[in-house]
């Protein structure tokens, strides 16, 4: 038995979530807040996702989930087009609203500079003292509500899968909050300036009702 076959056999007995942040978008590049608005992947963003796909090309994914947003769906498609197993046995991409990015209300579509000009107090709080940030002041989704929504999506996935490898393509802020959740950190220990990079991914093992990040 080859090492690859042995690894895949081990994966079949456990559940692993490969959670990926989508590729760089046009709004990422010009530092506009996207939230649940959307913008296309840049050429560099497409290249980044091809690189991610090459890293994951030998993983046998039993199912693929994304947010409903185009940048996540496109990123998943690029990853799968690099996947050796996907080419032989096409897998449906399941879109889930629970995996969407935080809804950032009045900030969506504004640059960071515009946010600080128009909503200076909340911008200062969010970027530099997030525990004082009040989402209601910008008609946005509360961070706790966004995490709870994301976790409900993960729970749905766990109910459908007891073993194997699951690919999830989602967004920076909800992924950061999920990482903190797994590490038993305070929800508000997020730092918008230090999110997981576009195209990077984290692997989470699920066993006995608990997650652990694979380092």
N, C-alpha and C. Protein backbone atom coordinates (compact mmCIF):
# COMPACT_ATOMS: atom_id res chain seq x y z
N UNK A 1 0.85 -1.21 0.00
CA UNK A 1 0.00 0.00 0.00
C UNK A 1 0.88 1.25 0.00
N UNK A 2 0.57 2.19 -0.88
CA UNK A 2 1.35 3.42 -0.94
C UNK A 2 1.05 4.31 0.25
N UNK A 3 1.96 5.28 0.51
CA UNK A 3 1.74 6.23 1.60
C UNK A 3 0.47 7.03 1.38
N UNK A 4 0.21 7.41 0.10
CA UNK A 4 -1.00 8.17 -0.21
C UNK A 4 -2.25 7.37 0.13
N UNK A 5 -2.28 6.07 -0.29
CA UNK A 5 -3.44 5.23 -0.01
C UNK A 5 -3.63 5.05 1.49
N UNK A 6 -2.51 4.90 2.20
CA UNK A 6 -2.59 4.73 3.66
C UNK A 6 -3.16 5.98 4.31
N UNK A 7 -2.72 7.17 3.86
CA UNK A 7 -3.22 8.43 4.42
C UNK A 7 -4.71 8.60 4.13
N UNK A 8 -5.13 8.27 2.90
CA UNK A 8 -6.54 8.40 2.57
C UNK A 8 -7.40 7.44 3.36
N UNK A 9 -6.86 6.23 3.63
CA UNK A 9 -7.61 5.27 4.43
C UNK A 9 -7.78 5.78 5.85
N UNK A 10 -6.73 6.40 6.39
CA UNK A 10 -6.83 6.99 7.73
C UNK A 10 -7.87 8.11 7.74
N UNK A 11 -7.89 8.93 6.67
CA UNK A 11 -8.83 10.04 6.59
C UNK A 11 -10.27 9.55 6.59
N UNK A 12 -10.50 8.36 6.00
CA UNK A 12 -11.85 7.83 5.93
C UNK A 12 -12.41 7.51 7.31
N UNK A 13 -11.51 7.28 8.28
CA UNK A 13 -11.95 6.91 9.62
C UNK A 13 -12.12 8.13 10.52
N UNK A 14 -11.72 9.28 10.05
CA UNK A 14 -11.84 10.50 10.83
C UNK A 14 -12.48 11.58 9.96
N UNK A 15 -12.88 12.66 10.60
CA UNK A 15 -13.48 13.78 9.86
C UNK A 15 -12.54 14.96 9.91
N UNK A 16 -12.21 15.47 8.74
CA UNK A 16 -11.34 16.65 8.66
C UNK A 16 -12.04 17.72 7.85
N UNK A 17 -12.01 18.94 8.36
CA UNK A 17 -12.53 20.09 7.64
C UNK A 17 -11.35 20.91 7.13
N UNK A 18 -11.27 21.08 5.83
CA UNK A 18 -10.27 21.96 5.22
C UNK A 18 -10.99 23.28 4.94
N UNK A 19 -10.74 24.29 5.77
CA UNK A 19 -11.46 25.56 5.64
C UNK A 19 -10.54 26.59 5.01
N UNK A 20 -10.95 27.10 3.85
CA UNK A 20 -10.12 27.97 3.02
C UNK A 20 -10.73 29.37 2.97
N UNK A 21 -9.87 30.37 3.03
CA UNK A 21 -10.33 31.72 2.73
C UNK A 21 -10.25 31.94 1.22
N UNK A 22 -11.27 32.54 0.65
CA UNK A 22 -11.32 32.79 -0.80
C UNK A 22 -10.10 33.56 -1.29
N UNK A 23 -9.91 33.57 -2.60
CA UNK A 23 -8.78 34.29 -3.21
C UNK A 23 -8.96 35.79 -3.16
N UNK A 24 -7.87 36.49 -3.45
CA UNK A 24 -7.89 37.96 -3.46
C UNK A 24 -8.91 38.47 -4.47
N UNK A 25 -9.68 39.49 -4.04
CA UNK A 25 -10.68 40.10 -4.92
C UNK A 25 -10.27 41.54 -5.26
N UNK A 26 -11.03 42.12 -6.18
CA UNK A 26 -10.76 43.51 -6.57
C UNK A 26 -10.91 44.44 -5.37
N UNK A 27 -11.90 44.18 -4.53
CA UNK A 27 -12.09 45.04 -3.36
C UNK A 27 -11.05 44.79 -2.28
N UNK A 28 -10.57 43.56 -2.16
CA UNK A 28 -9.44 43.30 -1.25
C UNK A 28 -8.25 44.16 -1.66
N UNK A 29 -8.02 44.20 -2.95
CA UNK A 29 -6.84 44.90 -3.48
C UNK A 29 -6.88 46.38 -3.18
N UNK A 30 -8.07 47.00 -3.27
CA UNK A 30 -8.17 48.44 -3.02
C UNK A 30 -8.71 48.75 -1.63
N UNK A 31 -8.71 47.71 -0.77
CA UNK A 31 -9.07 47.85 0.64
C UNK A 31 -10.48 48.42 0.84
N UNK A 32 -11.43 47.81 0.13
CA UNK A 32 -12.83 48.13 0.36
C UNK A 32 -13.46 47.02 1.19
N UNK A 33 -14.32 47.41 2.11
CA UNK A 33 -15.03 46.42 2.92
C UNK A 33 -16.05 45.69 2.04
N UNK A 34 -16.00 44.37 2.06
CA UNK A 34 -16.93 43.58 1.25
C UNK A 34 -18.10 43.06 2.08
N UNK A 35 -17.80 42.39 3.19
CA UNK A 35 -18.87 41.79 3.96
C UNK A 35 -19.67 40.85 3.08
N UNK A 36 -20.99 41.07 3.02
CA UNK A 36 -21.84 40.22 2.19
C UNK A 36 -22.10 40.82 0.81
N UNK A 37 -21.42 41.94 0.47
CA UNK A 37 -21.34 42.37 -0.91
C UNK A 37 -20.25 41.53 -1.58
N UNK A 38 -20.03 41.74 -2.87
CA UNK A 38 -19.11 40.86 -3.57
C UNK A 38 -18.32 41.62 -4.61
N UNK A 39 -17.16 41.07 -4.97
CA UNK A 39 -16.39 41.58 -6.10
C UNK A 39 -15.60 40.41 -6.68
N UNK A 40 -15.23 40.49 -7.97
CA UNK A 40 -14.56 39.36 -8.63
C UNK A 40 -13.15 39.12 -8.10
N UNK A 41 -12.67 37.90 -8.30
CA UNK A 41 -11.27 37.60 -8.00
C UNK A 41 -10.37 38.37 -8.97
N UNK A 42 -9.23 38.84 -8.48
CA UNK A 42 -8.23 39.44 -9.34
C UNK A 42 -7.45 38.34 -10.06
N UNK A 43 -6.62 38.73 -11.02
CA UNK A 43 -5.75 37.74 -11.68
C UNK A 43 -4.85 37.08 -10.65
N UNK A 44 -4.35 37.88 -9.72
CA UNK A 44 -3.51 37.32 -8.65
C UNK A 44 -4.34 36.40 -7.76
N UNK A 45 -5.60 36.77 -7.51
CA UNK A 45 -6.47 35.93 -6.70
C UNK A 45 -6.71 34.58 -7.34
N UNK A 46 -6.86 34.56 -8.67
CA UNK A 46 -7.02 33.30 -9.39
C UNK A 46 -5.75 32.46 -9.27
N UNK A 47 -4.59 33.12 -9.41
CA UNK A 47 -3.32 32.40 -9.29
C UNK A 47 -3.17 31.82 -7.88
N UNK A 48 -3.53 32.62 -6.87
CA UNK A 48 -3.44 32.15 -5.49
C UNK A 48 -4.28 30.88 -5.30
N UNK A 49 -5.50 30.89 -5.85
CA UNK A 49 -6.36 29.73 -5.67
C UNK A 49 -5.86 28.52 -6.45
N UNK A 50 -5.21 28.75 -7.58
CA UNK A 50 -4.59 27.63 -8.32
C UNK A 50 -3.47 27.02 -7.48
N UNK A 51 -2.70 27.88 -6.81
CA UNK A 51 -1.64 27.38 -5.92
C UNK A 51 -2.23 26.57 -4.78
N UNK A 52 -3.33 27.07 -4.21
CA UNK A 52 -4.00 26.33 -3.14
C UNK A 52 -4.51 24.99 -3.66
N UNK A 53 -5.09 25.02 -4.86
CA UNK A 53 -5.57 23.79 -5.48
C UNK A 53 -4.46 22.77 -5.67
N UNK A 54 -3.28 23.24 -6.07
CA UNK A 54 -2.15 22.33 -6.24
C UNK A 54 -1.73 21.70 -4.90
N UNK A 55 -1.81 22.49 -3.83
CA UNK A 55 -1.47 21.95 -2.51
C UNK A 55 -2.45 20.87 -2.06
N UNK A 56 -3.70 21.00 -2.52
CA UNK A 56 -4.76 20.08 -2.09
C UNK A 56 -5.14 19.08 -3.18
N UNK A 57 -4.34 18.99 -4.23
CA UNK A 57 -4.76 18.23 -5.42
C UNK A 57 -4.92 16.74 -5.17
N UNK A 58 -4.25 16.19 -4.15
CA UNK A 58 -4.33 14.76 -3.89
C UNK A 58 -5.33 14.38 -2.80
N UNK A 59 -5.97 15.38 -2.20
CA UNK A 59 -6.93 15.10 -1.14
C UNK A 59 -8.25 14.61 -1.74
N UNK A 60 -8.76 13.52 -1.21
CA UNK A 60 -10.07 13.03 -1.65
C UNK A 60 -11.15 13.72 -0.83
N UNK A 61 -11.84 14.68 -1.43
CA UNK A 61 -12.92 15.39 -0.73
C UNK A 61 -14.25 14.67 -0.98
N UNK A 62 -14.96 14.39 0.11
CA UNK A 62 -16.25 13.73 -0.04
C UNK A 62 -17.38 14.73 -0.29
N UNK A 63 -17.16 15.99 0.07
CA UNK A 63 -18.17 17.02 -0.20
C UNK A 63 -17.50 18.39 -0.14
N UNK A 64 -18.10 19.35 -0.85
CA UNK A 64 -17.56 20.72 -0.89
C UNK A 64 -18.67 21.69 -0.54
N UNK A 65 -18.37 22.59 0.42
CA UNK A 65 -19.34 23.60 0.84
C UNK A 65 -18.70 24.97 0.68
N UNK A 66 -19.50 25.94 0.27
CA UNK A 66 -19.03 27.32 0.20
C UNK A 66 -20.11 28.24 0.76
N UNK A 67 -19.73 29.50 0.97
CA UNK A 67 -20.74 30.52 1.23
C UNK A 67 -21.52 30.75 -0.06
N UNK A 68 -22.53 31.59 0.00
CA UNK A 68 -23.31 31.89 -1.20
C UNK A 68 -22.65 32.95 -2.08
N UNK A 69 -21.57 33.54 -1.61
CA UNK A 69 -20.96 34.67 -2.30
C UNK A 69 -20.04 34.19 -3.43
N UNK A 70 -20.09 34.93 -4.54
CA UNK A 70 -19.41 34.50 -5.76
C UNK A 70 -17.92 34.27 -5.59
N UNK A 71 -17.27 35.08 -4.77
CA UNK A 71 -15.82 34.95 -4.61
C UNK A 71 -15.43 33.63 -3.95
N UNK A 72 -16.30 33.13 -3.07
CA UNK A 72 -16.04 31.83 -2.43
C UNK A 72 -16.33 30.69 -3.39
N UNK A 73 -17.44 30.79 -4.13
CA UNK A 73 -17.81 29.74 -5.09
C UNK A 73 -16.74 29.61 -6.17
N UNK A 74 -16.30 30.74 -6.73
CA UNK A 74 -15.26 30.72 -7.77
C UNK A 74 -13.97 30.13 -7.23
N UNK A 75 -13.62 30.48 -6.01
CA UNK A 75 -12.39 29.94 -5.40
C UNK A 75 -12.47 28.42 -5.26
N UNK A 76 -13.64 27.92 -4.85
CA UNK A 76 -13.82 26.47 -4.72
C UNK A 76 -13.70 25.79 -6.08
N UNK A 77 -14.28 26.40 -7.10
CA UNK A 77 -14.21 25.81 -8.44
C UNK A 77 -12.77 25.69 -8.92
N UNK A 78 -11.96 26.71 -8.63
CA UNK A 78 -10.55 26.69 -9.05
C UNK A 78 -9.80 25.58 -8.31
N UNK A 79 -10.04 25.47 -7.01
CA UNK A 79 -9.40 24.40 -6.23
C UNK A 79 -9.75 23.03 -6.80
N UNK A 80 -11.03 22.82 -7.07
CA UNK A 80 -11.48 21.51 -7.53
C UNK A 80 -10.97 21.18 -8.93
N UNK A 81 -10.80 22.20 -9.75
CA UNK A 81 -10.28 21.95 -11.10
C UNK A 81 -8.82 21.51 -11.09
N UNK A 82 -8.14 21.72 -9.96
CA UNK A 82 -6.77 21.25 -9.79
C UNK A 82 -6.72 19.88 -9.11
N UNK A 83 -7.88 19.42 -8.62
CA UNK A 83 -7.92 18.21 -7.81
C UNK A 83 -8.01 16.97 -8.70
N UNK A 84 -7.06 16.07 -8.53
CA UNK A 84 -6.98 14.86 -9.35
C UNK A 84 -8.25 14.03 -9.23
N UNK A 85 -8.75 13.89 -8.02
CA UNK A 85 -9.91 13.03 -7.77
C UNK A 85 -11.19 13.67 -8.30
N UNK A 86 -11.28 15.00 -8.21
CA UNK A 86 -12.47 15.71 -8.69
C UNK A 86 -12.63 15.55 -10.20
N UNK A 87 -11.52 15.53 -10.91
CA UNK A 87 -11.58 15.42 -12.36
C UNK A 87 -12.20 14.09 -12.79
N UNK A 88 -12.02 13.07 -11.95
CA UNK A 88 -12.55 11.75 -12.28
C UNK A 88 -13.95 11.52 -11.72
N UNK A 89 -14.31 12.25 -10.68
CA UNK A 89 -15.60 12.04 -10.03
C UNK A 89 -16.11 13.39 -9.52
N UNK A 90 -16.82 14.11 -10.35
CA UNK A 90 -17.21 15.49 -10.03
C UNK A 90 -18.08 15.56 -8.79
N UNK A 91 -17.79 16.54 -7.95
CA UNK A 91 -18.50 16.71 -6.68
C UNK A 91 -19.33 17.98 -6.76
N UNK A 92 -20.55 17.92 -6.30
CA UNK A 92 -21.41 19.10 -6.27
C UNK A 92 -20.92 20.09 -5.21
N UNK A 93 -20.95 21.38 -5.56
CA UNK A 93 -20.65 22.43 -4.58
C UNK A 93 -21.96 22.84 -3.91
N UNK A 94 -22.01 22.70 -2.61
CA UNK A 94 -23.20 23.07 -1.84
C UNK A 94 -23.00 24.46 -1.24
N UNK A 95 -23.85 25.41 -1.63
CA UNK A 95 -23.76 26.77 -1.11
C UNK A 95 -24.60 26.90 0.16
N UNK A 96 -24.03 27.55 1.18
CA UNK A 96 -24.72 27.71 2.46
C UNK A 96 -24.65 29.16 2.93
N UNK A 97 -25.79 29.74 3.21
CA UNK A 97 -25.82 31.13 3.70
C UNK A 97 -25.12 31.25 5.05
N UNK A 98 -25.11 30.15 5.81
CA UNK A 98 -24.48 30.18 7.14
C UNK A 98 -22.98 30.45 7.05
N UNK A 99 -22.38 30.15 5.91
CA UNK A 99 -20.94 30.33 5.74
C UNK A 99 -20.57 31.69 5.17
N UNK A 100 -21.57 32.56 4.97
CA UNK A 100 -21.30 33.90 4.46
C UNK A 100 -20.44 34.71 5.43
N UNK A 101 -19.81 35.74 4.88
CA UNK A 101 -19.03 36.66 5.71
C UNK A 101 -19.96 37.46 6.61
N UNK A 102 -19.40 38.10 7.61
CA UNK A 102 -20.15 39.02 8.47
C UNK A 102 -20.81 40.09 7.60
N UNK A 103 -22.05 40.43 7.90
CA UNK A 103 -22.71 41.55 7.22
C UNK A 103 -22.28 42.84 7.90
N UNK A 104 -21.58 43.70 7.15
CA UNK A 104 -21.00 44.91 7.74
C UNK A 104 -21.81 46.17 7.46
N UNK A 105 -23.07 46.02 7.12
CA UNK A 105 -23.98 47.16 7.05
C UNK A 105 -23.49 48.32 6.21
N UNK A 106 -23.46 49.49 6.82
CA UNK A 106 -23.14 50.74 6.11
C UNK A 106 -21.69 50.79 5.61
N UNK A 107 -20.85 49.91 6.12
CA UNK A 107 -19.45 49.91 5.69
C UNK A 107 -19.24 49.21 4.36
N UNK A 108 -20.17 48.35 3.96
CA UNK A 108 -19.96 47.55 2.76
C UNK A 108 -19.85 48.43 1.52
N UNK A 109 -18.78 48.25 0.76
CA UNK A 109 -18.54 49.03 -0.44
C UNK A 109 -17.72 50.29 -0.20
N UNK A 110 -17.41 50.56 1.08
CA UNK A 110 -16.58 51.74 1.40
C UNK A 110 -15.14 51.33 1.61
N UNK A 111 -14.22 52.23 1.27
CA UNK A 111 -12.81 51.98 1.54
C UNK A 111 -12.53 52.19 3.02
N UNK A 112 -11.40 51.69 3.47
CA UNK A 112 -11.01 51.90 4.86
C UNK A 112 -10.93 53.39 5.19
N UNK A 113 -10.40 54.17 4.25
CA UNK A 113 -10.31 55.63 4.47
C UNK A 113 -11.70 56.24 4.65
N UNK A 114 -12.65 55.84 3.82
CA UNK A 114 -14.02 56.37 3.92
C UNK A 114 -14.67 55.96 5.23
N UNK A 115 -14.40 54.75 5.68
CA UNK A 115 -14.96 54.28 6.95
C UNK A 115 -14.46 55.16 8.10
N UNK A 116 -13.18 55.45 8.10
CA UNK A 116 -12.63 56.28 9.17
C UNK A 116 -13.11 57.72 9.08
N UNK A 117 -13.38 58.19 7.85
CA UNK A 117 -13.90 59.55 7.69
C UNK A 117 -15.35 59.67 8.15
N UNK A 118 -16.19 58.70 7.78
CA UNK A 118 -17.63 58.80 8.03
C UNK A 118 -18.06 58.19 9.37
N UNK A 119 -17.31 57.18 9.82
CA UNK A 119 -17.70 56.47 11.04
C UNK A 119 -16.48 56.28 11.93
N UNK A 120 -15.85 57.40 12.24
CA UNK A 120 -14.53 57.37 12.88
C UNK A 120 -14.52 56.61 14.21
N UNK A 121 -15.54 56.82 15.05
CA UNK A 121 -15.54 56.17 16.37
C UNK A 121 -15.63 54.65 16.24
N UNK A 122 -16.59 54.17 15.44
CA UNK A 122 -16.74 52.72 15.31
C UNK A 122 -15.56 52.11 14.55
N UNK A 123 -15.02 52.83 13.59
CA UNK A 123 -13.86 52.33 12.86
C UNK A 123 -12.67 52.17 13.80
N UNK A 124 -12.46 53.16 14.64
CA UNK A 124 -11.38 53.09 15.61
C UNK A 124 -11.58 51.92 16.56
N UNK A 125 -12.83 51.74 17.00
CA UNK A 125 -13.12 50.62 17.90
C UNK A 125 -12.87 49.28 17.20
N UNK A 126 -13.40 49.13 15.99
CA UNK A 126 -13.31 47.84 15.32
C UNK A 126 -11.87 47.44 15.03
N UNK A 127 -11.08 48.38 14.57
CA UNK A 127 -9.72 48.05 14.17
C UNK A 127 -8.72 48.07 15.32
N UNK A 128 -9.02 48.81 16.40
CA UNK A 128 -8.01 48.98 17.45
C UNK A 128 -8.49 48.60 18.86
N UNK A 129 -9.81 48.47 19.06
CA UNK A 129 -10.32 48.09 20.37
C UNK A 129 -11.69 47.44 20.18
N UNK A 130 -11.66 46.23 19.58
CA UNK A 130 -12.89 45.62 19.08
C UNK A 130 -13.92 45.34 20.18
N UNK A 131 -13.49 45.25 21.42
CA UNK A 131 -14.44 45.02 22.51
C UNK A 131 -15.39 46.20 22.70
N UNK A 132 -15.02 47.34 22.18
CA UNK A 132 -15.88 48.53 22.27
C UNK A 132 -16.71 48.75 21.01
N UNK A 133 -16.49 47.91 20.03
CA UNK A 133 -17.19 48.04 18.75
C UNK A 133 -18.68 47.71 18.92
N UNK A 134 -19.55 48.57 18.35
CA UNK A 134 -20.99 48.37 18.43
C UNK A 134 -21.55 48.27 17.01
N UNK A 135 -21.84 47.04 16.58
CA UNK A 135 -22.30 46.80 15.20
C UNK A 135 -23.59 47.54 14.89
N UNK A 136 -24.43 47.72 15.88
CA UNK A 136 -25.73 48.37 15.64
C UNK A 136 -25.57 49.80 15.14
N UNK A 137 -24.47 50.45 15.51
CA UNK A 137 -24.25 51.84 15.10
C UNK A 137 -23.99 51.97 13.59
N UNK A 138 -23.64 50.86 12.95
CA UNK A 138 -23.44 50.91 11.49
C UNK A 138 -24.41 49.94 10.79
N UNK A 139 -25.46 49.56 11.51
CA UNK A 139 -26.51 48.68 10.97
C UNK A 139 -25.93 47.37 10.45
N UNK A 140 -24.98 46.85 11.21
CA UNK A 140 -24.28 45.63 10.82
C UNK A 140 -24.70 44.45 11.69
N UNK A 141 -24.30 43.28 11.28
CA UNK A 141 -24.52 42.06 12.05
C UNK A 141 -23.56 42.02 13.24
N UNK A 142 -24.05 41.68 14.41
CA UNK A 142 -23.17 41.55 15.56
C UNK A 142 -22.20 40.40 15.33
N UNK A 143 -20.97 40.57 15.80
CA UNK A 143 -19.96 39.55 15.59
C UNK A 143 -20.38 38.21 16.21
N UNK A 144 -20.95 38.26 17.39
CA UNK A 144 -21.41 37.02 18.04
C UNK A 144 -22.48 36.34 17.21
N UNK A 145 -23.39 37.12 16.65
CA UNK A 145 -24.45 36.54 15.81
C UNK A 145 -23.85 35.90 14.56
N UNK A 146 -22.82 36.53 14.01
CA UNK A 146 -22.17 35.97 12.82
C UNK A 146 -21.50 34.65 13.14
N UNK A 147 -20.82 34.59 14.29
CA UNK A 147 -20.18 33.34 14.69
C UNK A 147 -21.22 32.26 14.95
N UNK A 148 -22.30 32.60 15.64
CA UNK A 148 -23.37 31.63 15.91
C UNK A 148 -23.94 31.08 14.60
N UNK A 149 -24.12 31.97 13.63
CA UNK A 149 -24.61 31.55 12.31
C UNK A 149 -23.64 30.58 11.65
N UNK A 150 -22.36 30.92 11.68
CA UNK A 150 -21.34 30.08 11.09
C UNK A 150 -21.30 28.71 11.76
N UNK A 151 -21.41 28.69 13.09
CA UNK A 151 -21.38 27.43 13.82
C UNK A 151 -22.58 26.56 13.49
N UNK A 152 -23.73 27.18 13.25
CA UNK A 152 -24.91 26.41 12.84
C UNK A 152 -24.65 25.73 11.50
N UNK A 153 -23.95 26.44 10.60
CA UNK A 153 -23.58 25.84 9.33
C UNK A 153 -22.65 24.65 9.52
N UNK A 154 -21.67 24.81 10.39
CA UNK A 154 -20.74 23.72 10.68
C UNK A 154 -21.48 22.53 11.28
N UNK A 155 -22.43 22.80 12.17
CA UNK A 155 -23.23 21.73 12.78
C UNK A 155 -24.00 20.95 11.71
N UNK A 156 -24.55 21.64 10.73
CA UNK A 156 -25.26 20.97 9.64
C UNK A 156 -24.31 20.05 8.87
N UNK A 157 -23.10 20.53 8.64
CA UNK A 157 -22.11 19.73 7.93
C UNK A 157 -21.75 18.49 8.74
N UNK A 158 -21.56 18.67 10.06
CA UNK A 158 -21.20 17.54 10.91
C UNK A 158 -22.29 16.48 10.96
N UNK A 159 -23.54 16.90 10.87
CA UNK A 159 -24.65 15.94 10.87
C UNK A 159 -24.65 15.09 9.61
N UNK A 160 -24.14 15.66 8.52
CA UNK A 160 -24.16 14.96 7.24
C UNK A 160 -22.93 14.10 7.00
N UNK A 161 -21.88 14.30 7.80
CA UNK A 161 -20.61 13.60 7.56
C UNK A 161 -20.00 13.14 8.88
N UNK A 162 -19.65 11.87 8.93
CA UNK A 162 -19.02 11.31 10.12
C UNK A 162 -17.53 11.04 9.91
N UNK A 163 -17.11 11.03 8.65
CA UNK A 163 -15.71 10.76 8.35
C UNK A 163 -15.39 11.36 6.98
N UNK A 164 -14.11 11.32 6.64
CA UNK A 164 -13.67 11.82 5.34
C UNK A 164 -13.15 13.25 5.40
N UNK A 165 -12.88 13.80 4.24
CA UNK A 165 -12.34 15.16 4.10
C UNK A 165 -13.40 16.06 3.48
N UNK A 166 -13.65 17.19 4.14
CA UNK A 166 -14.65 18.15 3.68
C UNK A 166 -13.94 19.46 3.34
N UNK A 167 -14.20 19.98 2.15
CA UNK A 167 -13.65 21.28 1.75
C UNK A 167 -14.71 22.35 2.00
N UNK A 168 -14.31 23.41 2.72
CA UNK A 168 -15.19 24.54 3.00
C UNK A 168 -14.47 25.81 2.56
N UNK A 169 -15.09 26.59 1.68
CA UNK A 169 -14.49 27.86 1.25
C UNK A 169 -15.36 28.99 1.78
N UNK A 170 -14.75 29.86 2.57
CA UNK A 170 -15.50 30.90 3.27
C UNK A 170 -14.70 32.20 3.30
N UNK A 171 -14.77 32.95 4.40
CA UNK A 171 -14.30 34.33 4.44
C UNK A 171 -13.44 34.60 5.68
N UNK A 172 -12.68 35.68 5.59
CA UNK A 172 -11.65 35.96 6.58
C UNK A 172 -12.12 36.16 8.00
N UNK A 173 -13.14 37.01 8.19
CA UNK A 173 -13.54 37.35 9.56
C UNK A 173 -14.24 36.19 10.25
N UNK A 174 -15.16 35.51 9.55
CA UNK A 174 -15.83 34.37 10.18
C UNK A 174 -14.85 33.23 10.44
N UNK A 175 -13.87 33.05 9.56
CA UNK A 175 -12.86 32.03 9.79
C UNK A 175 -12.02 32.36 11.01
N UNK A 176 -11.64 33.63 11.14
CA UNK A 176 -10.85 34.05 12.31
C UNK A 176 -11.61 33.79 13.60
N UNK A 177 -12.90 34.09 13.61
CA UNK A 177 -13.70 33.86 14.81
C UNK A 177 -13.83 32.36 15.10
N UNK A 178 -13.93 31.54 14.06
CA UNK A 178 -14.02 30.10 14.26
C UNK A 178 -12.72 29.56 14.84
N UNK A 179 -11.59 30.05 14.37
CA UNK A 179 -10.29 29.64 14.92
C UNK A 179 -10.24 29.95 16.42
N UNK A 180 -10.68 31.16 16.79
CA UNK A 180 -10.71 31.52 18.22
C UNK A 180 -11.64 30.62 19.00
N UNK A 181 -12.76 30.27 18.40
CA UNK A 181 -13.72 29.36 19.04
C UNK A 181 -13.07 28.00 19.32
N UNK A 182 -12.38 27.46 18.34
CA UNK A 182 -11.71 26.16 18.51
C UNK A 182 -10.64 26.24 19.58
N UNK A 183 -9.95 27.37 19.65
CA UNK A 183 -8.86 27.54 20.62
C UNK A 183 -9.35 28.04 21.99
N UNK A 184 -10.69 28.10 22.14
CA UNK A 184 -11.30 28.58 23.40
C UNK A 184 -10.85 29.99 23.77
N UNK A 185 -10.66 30.82 22.75
CA UNK A 185 -10.31 32.22 22.98
C UNK A 185 -11.58 33.06 22.98
N UNK A 186 -11.45 34.25 23.51
CA UNK A 186 -12.56 35.20 23.48
C UNK A 186 -12.90 35.52 22.02
N UNK A 187 -14.19 35.52 21.74
CA UNK A 187 -14.67 35.88 20.40
C UNK A 187 -14.03 37.17 19.90
N UNK A 188 -13.87 38.13 20.81
CA UNK A 188 -13.43 39.46 20.41
C UNK A 188 -11.92 39.62 20.38
N UNK A 189 -11.21 38.51 20.35
CA UNK A 189 -9.76 38.58 20.18
C UNK A 189 -9.38 38.58 18.70
N UNK A 190 -10.31 39.01 17.85
CA UNK A 190 -10.01 39.07 16.41
C UNK A 190 -9.27 40.37 16.10
N UNK A 191 -8.51 40.32 15.02
CA UNK A 191 -7.80 41.49 14.55
C UNK A 191 -7.96 41.54 13.03
N UNK A 192 -8.79 42.45 12.57
CA UNK A 192 -9.10 42.53 11.14
C UNK A 192 -7.85 42.74 10.29
N UNK A 193 -6.81 43.27 10.91
CA UNK A 193 -5.58 43.54 10.15
C UNK A 193 -4.69 42.31 10.05
N UNK A 194 -5.06 41.22 10.76
CA UNK A 194 -4.20 40.03 10.76
C UNK A 194 -5.02 38.77 10.50
N UNK A 195 -5.91 38.84 9.51
CA UNK A 195 -6.73 37.68 9.17
C UNK A 195 -5.89 36.65 8.40
N UNK A 196 -6.41 35.43 8.31
CA UNK A 196 -5.81 34.42 7.45
C UNK A 196 -5.71 34.99 6.03
N UNK A 197 -4.59 34.80 5.38
CA UNK A 197 -4.38 35.36 4.05
C UNK A 197 -5.33 34.74 3.02
N UNK A 198 -5.61 35.50 1.97
CA UNK A 198 -6.41 34.97 0.86
C UNK A 198 -5.79 33.68 0.33
N UNK A 199 -6.61 32.65 0.19
CA UNK A 199 -6.14 31.38 -0.35
C UNK A 199 -5.52 30.44 0.65
N UNK A 200 -5.22 30.92 1.86
CA UNK A 200 -4.68 30.04 2.89
C UNK A 200 -5.80 29.21 3.50
N UNK A 201 -5.43 28.13 4.15
CA UNK A 201 -6.44 27.26 4.73
C UNK A 201 -5.97 26.69 6.07
N UNK A 202 -6.94 26.26 6.85
CA UNK A 202 -6.70 25.59 8.12
C UNK A 202 -7.36 24.23 8.08
N UNK A 203 -6.74 23.26 8.72
CA UNK A 203 -7.30 21.91 8.77
C UNK A 203 -7.74 21.63 10.21
N UNK A 204 -9.00 21.23 10.36
CA UNK A 204 -9.55 20.95 11.68
C UNK A 204 -10.00 19.49 11.74
N UNK A 205 -9.49 18.77 12.75
CA UNK A 205 -9.95 17.41 13.01
C UNK A 205 -11.14 17.47 13.95
N UNK A 206 -12.13 16.63 13.70
CA UNK A 206 -13.30 16.56 14.58
C UNK A 206 -13.41 15.15 15.13
N UNK A 207 -13.32 15.06 16.46
CA UNK A 207 -13.35 13.75 17.12
C UNK A 207 -13.94 13.90 18.51
N UNK A 208 -14.82 12.98 18.87
CA UNK A 208 -15.45 12.97 20.19
C UNK A 208 -16.10 14.31 20.54
N UNK A 209 -16.74 14.92 19.52
CA UNK A 209 -17.46 16.15 19.74
C UNK A 209 -16.61 17.39 19.87
N UNK A 210 -15.31 17.29 19.55
CA UNK A 210 -14.41 18.43 19.70
C UNK A 210 -13.56 18.63 18.45
N UNK A 211 -13.21 19.90 18.21
CA UNK A 211 -12.32 20.26 17.12
C UNK A 211 -10.90 20.45 17.64
N UNK A 212 -9.95 20.11 16.80
CA UNK A 212 -8.55 20.47 17.07
C UNK A 212 -7.93 20.87 15.73
N UNK A 213 -7.12 21.91 15.76
CA UNK A 213 -6.49 22.36 14.52
C UNK A 213 -5.25 21.53 14.24
N UNK A 214 -5.13 21.07 13.04
CA UNK A 214 -3.95 20.30 12.63
C UNK A 214 -2.85 21.28 12.25
N UNK A 215 -1.75 21.22 12.93
CA UNK A 215 -0.65 22.16 12.70
C UNK A 215 0.29 21.62 11.63
